[in-house]
């Protein structure tokens, strides 16, 4: 029961127009729980029906509206969300509901420029919000939807080579079969040992996700190890080569996101780590951009290697 206008005096249900047939994907919410959400793409219509069920005999209101919102929220600054997409449809002018009521709505050719994302410190979400405006307390219902971005396959996809080393101690050559990969691709490569004067014990390869939030000087990086494998055990000799075959489809990867609305970025790295007999670690890191295409761009550091992945291919749809 609602006293003096407080409390929920109506229940709101939002039913999407093609809810039964639309593809659903798993998304993690800001509490870390996974839920299955209907999937949309940029430019698609968003339509459906709003059902309002009264809990009393009548309901006075100052208007009823539905909104489609694209929003970024930094977890360190909760309550200060940034809306990059905001569309409104008025369902009813101010008046009175004397019984249950349904309203149809449609947002045509909706711009959805970014992919849905929930990370360690930031969330980018799309949702529908229905509001029954009341004099003292509004009745609000929100439902989330997922959005994936698409890209086409690149025209050029050359192999990638790089040489790194420590002068007079170690000289290694990295070679990858191509420079661009999609999210379900396989990274294939080889590591050639051209000079070995360090007693290496083993070698590891890892996929690192780096989430960057904020802008300088208030920028914060959060690194997360997506996967780690030992690819060599024992000391290599000059002329030896180690094959690399890394299947991306088994990991929870997202597209690389670069400076999204000046709020956050997401990059991926492939770390190659060499450990000597005294447990000293040498690594080379290569940036990896995800979407459904991965642009492998080497970054120099003392023994490390990484890659870059970008948006999803049309086949994902």
Protein backbone atom coordinates (compact mmCIF):
# COMPACT_ATOMS: atom_id res chain seq x y z
CA UNK A 1 0.00 0.00 0.00
CA UNK A 2 1.16 3.54 -0.74
CA UNK A 3 0.71 6.19 1.99
CA UNK A 4 0.79 9.94 1.14
CA UNK A 5 2.14 9.14 -2.33
CA UNK A 6 5.20 7.23 -1.09
CA UNK A 7 6.05 3.70 -2.15
CA UNK A 8 5.55 1.88 -5.45
CA UNK A 9 1.95 2.40 -6.50
CA UNK A 10 2.39 0.57 -9.81
CA UNK A 11 4.49 -2.21 -11.35
CA UNK A 12 6.24 -1.57 -14.67
CA UNK A 13 7.11 -4.30 -17.17
CA UNK A 14 9.16 -3.66 -20.33
CA UNK A 15 8.78 -6.21 -23.14
CA UNK A 16 11.07 -5.84 -26.17
CA UNK A 17 9.41 -6.32 -29.54
CA UNK A 18 11.54 -9.27 -30.71
CA UNK A 19 12.54 -10.54 -27.28
CA UNK A 20 12.00 -14.25 -28.03
CA UNK A 21 14.02 -14.36 -31.25
CA UNK A 22 16.82 -11.89 -30.50
CA UNK A 23 20.26 -13.29 -29.70
CA UNK A 24 21.35 -13.04 -26.07
CA UNK A 25 24.87 -12.73 -24.69
CA UNK A 26 26.35 -13.02 -21.21
CA UNK A 27 27.38 -9.74 -19.62
CA UNK A 28 28.84 -9.06 -16.20
CA UNK A 29 27.11 -6.37 -14.17
CA UNK A 30 28.79 -3.97 -11.73
CA UNK A 31 28.34 -6.52 -8.93
CA UNK A 32 30.34 -9.13 -10.86
CA UNK A 33 27.30 -11.33 -11.58
CA UNK A 34 26.68 -12.61 -15.11
CA UNK A 35 23.33 -12.11 -16.80
CA UNK A 36 22.01 -12.82 -20.29
CA UNK A 37 21.01 -9.67 -22.18
CA UNK A 38 19.41 -9.15 -25.61
CA UNK A 39 22.04 -8.13 -28.17
CA UNK A 40 21.79 -5.05 -30.39
CA UNK A 41 24.05 -3.42 -32.98
CA UNK A 42 24.63 0.17 -34.01
CA UNK A 43 21.77 1.57 -36.10
CA UNK A 44 19.20 -1.05 -35.11
CA UNK A 45 15.71 -0.02 -33.96
CA UNK A 46 14.80 -0.54 -30.32
CA UNK A 47 11.10 -1.12 -29.84
CA UNK A 48 8.69 -2.82 -27.51
CA UNK A 49 5.84 -2.36 -25.08
CA UNK A 50 5.54 -0.91 -21.58
CA UNK A 51 2.94 -2.59 -19.36
CA UNK A 52 1.80 -0.75 -16.21
CA UNK A 53 -0.09 -2.66 -13.55
CA UNK A 54 -1.68 -0.57 -10.81
CA UNK A 55 -1.50 -1.61 -7.16
CA UNK A 56 -4.50 0.55 -6.27
CA UNK A 57 -7.66 1.80 -7.92
CA UNK A 58 -6.08 4.76 -9.67
CA UNK A 59 -2.78 6.55 -10.17
CA UNK A 60 -2.29 10.26 -10.68
CA UNK A 61 0.88 11.17 -12.55
CA UNK A 62 2.71 14.10 -14.14
CA UNK A 63 3.56 12.18 -17.31
CA UNK A 64 4.99 8.81 -18.39
CA UNK A 65 8.14 8.51 -20.51
CA UNK A 66 10.60 5.92 -21.81
CA UNK A 67 14.29 6.67 -22.41
CA UNK A 68 17.07 4.83 -24.23
CA UNK A 69 20.39 5.68 -22.57
CA UNK A 70 24.05 4.91 -23.23
CA UNK A 71 26.02 5.65 -20.08
CA UNK A 72 29.56 5.49 -18.66
CA UNK A 73 30.12 5.26 -14.92
CA UNK A 74 33.47 5.26 -13.14
CA UNK A 75 33.19 3.17 -9.97
CA UNK A 76 35.46 5.64 -8.16
CA UNK A 77 32.94 8.41 -8.89
CA UNK A 78 29.57 6.71 -8.45
CA UNK A 79 26.57 8.93 -8.80
CA UNK A 80 28.29 11.03 -11.47
CA UNK A 81 27.36 9.16 -14.66
CA UNK A 82 28.11 10.41 -18.18
CA UNK A 83 25.35 9.90 -20.78
CA UNK A 84 26.73 9.74 -24.34
CA UNK A 85 23.38 8.65 -25.85
CA UNK A 86 19.99 9.82 -24.56
CA UNK A 87 16.67 9.47 -26.41
CA UNK A 88 13.22 10.17 -24.92
CA UNK A 89 9.70 9.20 -25.95
CA UNK A 90 6.68 10.57 -24.09
CA UNK A 91 4.16 7.76 -23.55
CA UNK A 92 1.45 9.78 -21.78
CA UNK A 93 0.83 13.41 -20.81
CA UNK A 94 -0.03 14.27 -17.18
CA UNK A 95 -3.27 12.66 -16.08
CA UNK A 96 -4.74 9.74 -14.21
CA UNK A 97 -4.65 5.98 -14.76
CA UNK A 98 -7.79 4.20 -13.58
CA UNK A 99 -6.65 0.73 -14.62
CA UNK A 100 -3.78 -1.29 -16.07
CA UNK A 101 -2.36 0.26 -19.23
CA UNK A 102 0.03 -0.68 -22.07
CA UNK A 103 2.06 1.68 -24.27
CA UNK A 104 4.00 0.86 -27.46
CA UNK A 105 7.33 2.60 -28.08
CA UNK A 106 9.95 2.70 -30.83
CA UNK A 107 13.40 4.29 -31.14
CA UNK A 108 14.38 4.32 -34.83
CA UNK A 109 17.94 3.77 -36.13
CA UNK A 110 19.49 4.20 -32.70
CA UNK A 111 23.13 5.28 -32.61
CA UNK A 112 25.16 2.93 -30.40
CA UNK A 113 28.78 4.00 -30.97
CA UNK A 114 30.52 1.93 -28.28
CA UNK A 115 30.53 -1.68 -27.14
CA UNK A 116 28.97 -2.63 -23.79
CA UNK A 117 31.70 -3.12 -21.19
CA UNK A 118 32.03 -3.85 -17.49
CA UNK A 119 35.53 -3.72 -16.09
CA UNK A 120 37.30 -3.39 -12.77
CA UNK A 121 36.80 0.36 -12.43
CA UNK A 122 34.34 1.39 -15.15
CA UNK A 123 31.08 0.32 -16.76
CA UNK A 124 29.63 1.26 -20.14
CA UNK A 125 26.00 0.19 -20.39
CA UNK A 126 22.90 0.71 -22.52
CA UNK A 127 19.48 0.53 -20.91
CA UNK A 128 15.83 1.45 -21.23
CA UNK A 129 14.33 3.49 -18.40
CA UNK A 130 10.58 3.93 -17.91
CA UNK A 131 9.51 6.71 -15.51
CA UNK A 132 6.06 7.45 -14.13
CA UNK A 133 6.52 11.03 -12.91
CA UNK A 134 4.70 11.69 -9.64
CA UNK A 135 4.48 14.68 -7.36
CA UNK A 136 6.43 13.11 -4.46
CA UNK A 137 8.20 9.98 -5.69
CA UNK A 138 8.63 8.69 -9.26
CA UNK A 139 8.11 5.05 -10.20
CA UNK A 140 11.10 3.89 -12.28
CA UNK A 141 11.98 0.67 -14.12
CA UNK A 142 15.26 -0.02 -15.94
CA UNK A 143 16.28 -2.95 -18.17
CA UNK A 144 19.74 -3.40 -19.69
CA UNK A 145 20.59 -4.45 -23.24
CA UNK A 146 23.97 -5.47 -24.69
CA UNK A 147 25.64 -3.80 -27.68
CA UNK A 148 28.42 -5.20 -29.88
CA UNK A 149 30.35 -3.15 -32.42
CA UNK A 150 31.30 -4.55 -35.84
CA UNK A 151 34.19 -4.12 -38.26
CA UNK A 152 35.23 -5.57 -41.60
CA UNK A 153 38.30 -7.71 -42.27
CA UNK A 154 41.42 -5.69 -43.11
CA UNK A 155 42.61 -5.52 -46.73
CA UNK A 156 46.26 -5.83 -45.66
CA UNK A 157 47.45 -8.30 -43.03
CA UNK A 158 51.22 -8.63 -43.21
CA UNK A 159 53.35 -10.82 -40.98
CA UNK A 160 55.15 -9.19 -38.07
CA UNK A 161 58.82 -9.54 -37.11
CA UNK A 162 60.89 -7.95 -34.38
CA UNK A 163 64.34 -8.43 -32.89
CA UNK A 164 65.20 -7.65 -29.26
CA UNK A 165 68.05 -8.46 -26.96
CA UNK A 166 70.61 -7.59 -24.31
CA UNK A 167 73.94 -6.65 -25.80
CA UNK A 168 76.40 -9.59 -25.86
CA UNK A 169 74.03 -11.68 -23.68
CA UNK A 170 70.80 -12.50 -25.47
CA UNK A 171 69.41 -11.95 -28.95
CA UNK A 172 65.88 -13.09 -29.81
CA UNK A 173 63.70 -12.72 -32.90
CA UNK A 174 59.89 -12.80 -32.69
CA UNK A 175 57.79 -13.66 -35.72
CA UNK A 176 53.96 -13.69 -36.02
CA UNK A 177 52.11 -15.00 -39.08
CA UNK A 178 50.02 -11.82 -39.39
CA UNK A 179 49.55 -8.44 -37.75
CA UNK A 180 45.76 -8.39 -37.28
CA UNK A 181 43.60 -10.93 -35.43
CA UNK A 182 39.90 -11.24 -34.62
CA UNK A 183 38.60 -12.27 -31.18
CA UNK A 184 38.19 -15.94 -32.09
CA UNK A 185 41.45 -16.15 -34.02
CA UNK A 186 44.63 -18.08 -33.29
CA UNK A 187 47.89 -16.22 -32.75
CA UNK A 188 50.59 -18.29 -34.45
CA UNK A 189 54.25 -17.42 -34.20
CA UNK A 190 57.82 -18.48 -33.45
CA UNK A 191 60.62 -17.31 -31.20
CA UNK A 192 64.16 -17.72 -32.53
CA UNK A 193 67.17 -17.70 -30.23
CA UNK A 194 70.05 -16.11 -32.16
CA UNK A 195 72.39 -15.61 -29.20
CA UNK A 196 72.10 -17.21 -25.74
CA UNK A 197 74.65 -16.42 -23.02
CA UNK A 198 72.17 -16.40 -20.14
CA UNK A 199 71.22 -19.62 -18.34
CA UNK A 200 67.49 -19.60 -18.98
CA UNK A 201 65.34 -21.89 -16.82
CA UNK A 202 61.94 -21.52 -18.51
CA UNK A 203 59.77 -19.21 -20.58
CA UNK A 204 56.15 -18.05 -20.01
CA UNK A 205 53.56 -16.35 -22.19
CA UNK A 206 50.60 -14.42 -20.79
CA UNK A 207 47.68 -12.30 -21.97
CA UNK A 208 47.41 -9.11 -19.93
CA UNK A 209 44.40 -6.78 -19.94
CA UNK A 210 45.06 -3.15 -19.00
CA UNK A 211 42.14 -0.89 -18.12
CA UNK A 212 42.95 2.83 -17.96
CA UNK A 213 40.48 5.26 -16.39
CA UNK A 214 40.58 9.03 -16.06
CA UNK A 215 42.78 11.56 -17.83
CA UNK A 216 46.25 12.86 -16.93
CA UNK A 217 47.30 13.66 -14.30
CA UNK A 218 44.49 11.70 -12.62
CA UNK A 219 44.94 8.51 -14.61
CA UNK A 220 44.75 5.01 -13.11
CA UNK A 221 45.85 1.70 -14.68
CA UNK A 222 44.48 -1.69 -13.61
CA UNK A 223 46.22 -4.81 -14.98
CA UNK A 224 44.57 -8.23 -15.05
CA UNK A 225 46.20 -11.50 -16.19
CA UNK A 226 43.69 -13.19 -18.49
CA UNK A 227 45.82 -16.32 -19.05
CA UNK A 228 49.36 -17.59 -18.44
CA UNK A 229 51.21 -20.60 -19.88
CA UNK A 230 54.71 -22.04 -19.68
CA UNK A 231 55.85 -22.59 -23.27
CA UNK A 232 59.45 -23.71 -22.66
CA UNK A 233 61.21 -25.63 -19.90
CA UNK A 234 64.99 -25.78 -19.93
CA UNK A 235 67.79 -23.76 -21.46
CA UNK A 236 67.57 -22.97 -25.19
CA UNK A 237 70.62 -23.05 -27.45
CA UNK A 238 71.63 -20.84 -30.35
CA UNK A 239 69.55 -21.57 -33.45
CA UNK A 240 66.65 -23.13 -31.55
CA UNK A 241 63.07 -21.99 -32.21
CA UNK A 242 59.98 -22.20 -30.00
CA UNK A 243 56.52 -22.30 -31.65
CA UNK A 244 53.62 -20.21 -30.29
CA UNK A 245 49.98 -21.12 -30.87
CA UNK A 246 47.53 -19.13 -28.77
CA UNK A 247 43.77 -19.67 -29.21
CA UNK A 248 41.84 -16.50 -28.35
CA UNK A 249 38.32 -17.97 -28.44
CA UNK A 250 38.66 -19.53 -24.99
CA UNK A 251 39.09 -16.22 -23.19
CA UNK A 252 36.70 -13.49 -22.07
CA UNK A 253 38.10 -10.74 -24.29
CA UNK A 254 36.53 -7.46 -25.33
CA UNK A 255 37.34 -5.10 -28.20
CA UNK A 256 40.20 -2.74 -27.60
CA UNK A 257 38.71 0.58 -26.54
CA UNK A 258 40.71 3.74 -27.07
CA UNK A 259 39.88 6.91 -25.13
CA UNK A 260 36.12 6.25 -24.97
CA UNK A 261 34.52 9.67 -24.45
CA UNK A 262 37.76 10.69 -22.69
CA UNK A 263 36.78 8.42 -19.79
CA UNK A 264 38.60 5.11 -20.22
CA UNK A 265 40.62 2.82 -22.48
CA UNK A 266 41.10 -0.96 -22.63
CA UNK A 267 44.20 -2.56 -24.14
CA UNK A 268 45.60 -6.08 -24.25
CA UNK A 269 49.18 -7.26 -24.12
CA UNK A 270 50.99 -10.51 -24.81
CA UNK A 271 53.78 -10.84 -22.28
CA UNK A 272 56.72 -13.11 -23.00
CA UNK A 273 58.79 -13.71 -19.87
CA UNK A 274 62.18 -15.46 -19.63
CA UNK A 275 63.33 -16.65 -16.20
CA UNK A 276 67.01 -17.49 -15.57
CA UNK A 277 68.49 -19.90 -13.04
CA UNK A 278 68.75 -17.12 -10.47
CA UNK A 279 65.02 -16.35 -10.93
CA UNK A 280 65.66 -13.04 -12.64
CA UNK A 281 62.90 -12.22 -15.09
CA UNK A 282 63.36 -10.73 -18.55
CA UNK A 283 60.32 -9.82 -20.62
CA UNK A 284 59.09 -8.29 -23.88
CA UNK A 285 55.59 -6.84 -24.15
CA UNK A 286 53.46 -6.31 -27.25
CA UNK A 287 50.23 -4.28 -27.26
CA UNK A 288 47.11 -6.14 -28.33
CA UNK A 289 43.91 -4.36 -29.44
CA UNK A 290 40.65 -6.34 -29.31
CA UNK A 291 37.38 -6.05 -30.98
CA UNK A 292 37.16 -8.85 -33.36
CA UNK A 293 40.38 -7.84 -35.01
CA UNK A 294 43.76 -7.82 -33.37
CA UNK A 295 46.46 -5.37 -34.45
CA UNK A 296 49.79 -6.64 -33.18
CA UNK A 297 52.00 -3.67 -32.27
CA UNK A 298 55.25 -4.39 -30.49
CA UNK A 299 56.27 -2.30 -27.51
CA UNK A 300 59.82 -2.31 -26.25
CA UNK A 301 60.62 -3.20 -22.72
CA UNK A 302 63.32 -5.44 -21.23
CA UNK A 303 61.96 -8.84 -22.15
CA UNK A 304 58.33 -8.70 -22.98
CA UNK A 305 55.98 -8.95 -26.00
CA UNK A 306 52.31 -7.89 -26.62
CA UNK A 307 49.40 -7.45 -29.18
CA UNK A 308 46.35 -5.28 -29.99
CA UNK A 309 42.75 -6.33 -30.91
CA UNK A 310 39.78 -4.28 -32.44
CA UNK A 311 35.96 -4.45 -33.16
CA UNK A 312 33.93 -7.52 -34.06
CA UNK A 313 33.56 -8.87 -37.59
CA UNK A 314 30.27 -8.91 -39.46
CA UNK A 315 30.17 -12.72 -38.99
CA UNK A 316 29.60 -12.16 -35.27
CA UNK A 317 26.16 -10.87 -36.15
